[in-house]
Amino acid sequence: MKTNMKNKPLAAYLLLVMLISGGFVAGIKLLGKNGNYLAGFYMLGPAIAAIIARLFFYRARFADARLGFGGLKSYVKFWGITLGIVCLSYLMYTLLGSISWDPSGDTFLAQLKGQMATSGKNINDLPAGLSPKTMLLIFFLGGLSVFNIPTIVFGFGEEFGWRGFMFPRLCRRGLRFAFIVGGLIWFAWHVPLMLVLPGTGDFTLWQHAFNIVMLAIGSVCSFVFFAYVYAKSGTIWVASFAHAVMNNASRSFSYFVKIENQLSANLALAITMAMVVGILYSAKELEIFHSFLTDERDACGSPSRTSD
């Protein structure tokens, strides 16, 4: 009976994520092209599920939610580290021939043209003093800096649920279990968006299989990194910040490249994140999880297995 009670918050959370995410997917499908705007709000589902689970199914409520903002030093540190990971990923893309570089920024300009066309405007119908090239520069630099962090809300939507609530519950079965199973669940949660949003190309059966394996490996390794940021910083906000930086910086670089091979791009990303995990392991940085899980146990007043 005790085991069932311990698992109840996690089971409730996962069920809520399924229901909330399913609602967003249905809305995206129902709205067609306009439904793409709901994709961002899909990212809020895990946080909403975690809040409900904490309020109604979790004894400690928000005692272990780590909602303190932390020090500025942590944000600067993980901004630099995350930006370095993004640069490493684009180096890997280049080495594997996954992308070709286009300094003109035509990729961004085409996106801007399409967005303005939906509202019946021309790409030159910008506010006075702004040209398409100026917009490109603003969006690029903004994505690399702390000035483009509205998406921290969406980062929080994921981090508060996956790393802030699900991860510590999974750790009761051991760290490796939490990393692998947590990463795979996180990957599975992204799959519906892959199915309802525009695809990146037609793949054969073996290519689909390879694609799924690479994406899954990349997700597990990314899960470990964001969990590390959460444990090391001691606050969910730094993890959310790092998540937003990774998304924004990746988008900024994408303005100057063209994808040549999506399969090798997924392979490059998986290799990059595996390298990151390897570096953290070699540097014994993952040992932070032992003290992290002890703190979690003390906060919620229940035993937690910390073996890795």
Foldseek 3Di string as FASTA:
>chain_A
DVVCLLCQLVVQLVVQLVVLLVVLLVQLQVVDPVSVVSVLVNLLSLVVSNQVSLVPRAPLRCLQQQADPFDPVLLVVLLVVLLVLLVQLVVLCVVLVQKDFAVVLVQVLVVLQVVQVVVVDGQQPDPPPDHSVNVLVCLLVCLSDPNVVPSLSSLLSNLSRLLRPNLLSQCLVPNVRSLLVSLQVVLVSCVSVCVSDDHDDDDDPVLVVLLSVLSSLLSSLVSLVLNLSCLVRSHSSSSSSSVSSNVSNNVSSVSGIDGPHPSSSSNSSSVSSVVVVVVCVVVVSSVSQQVSSVVVCVSRVHDGDYHD
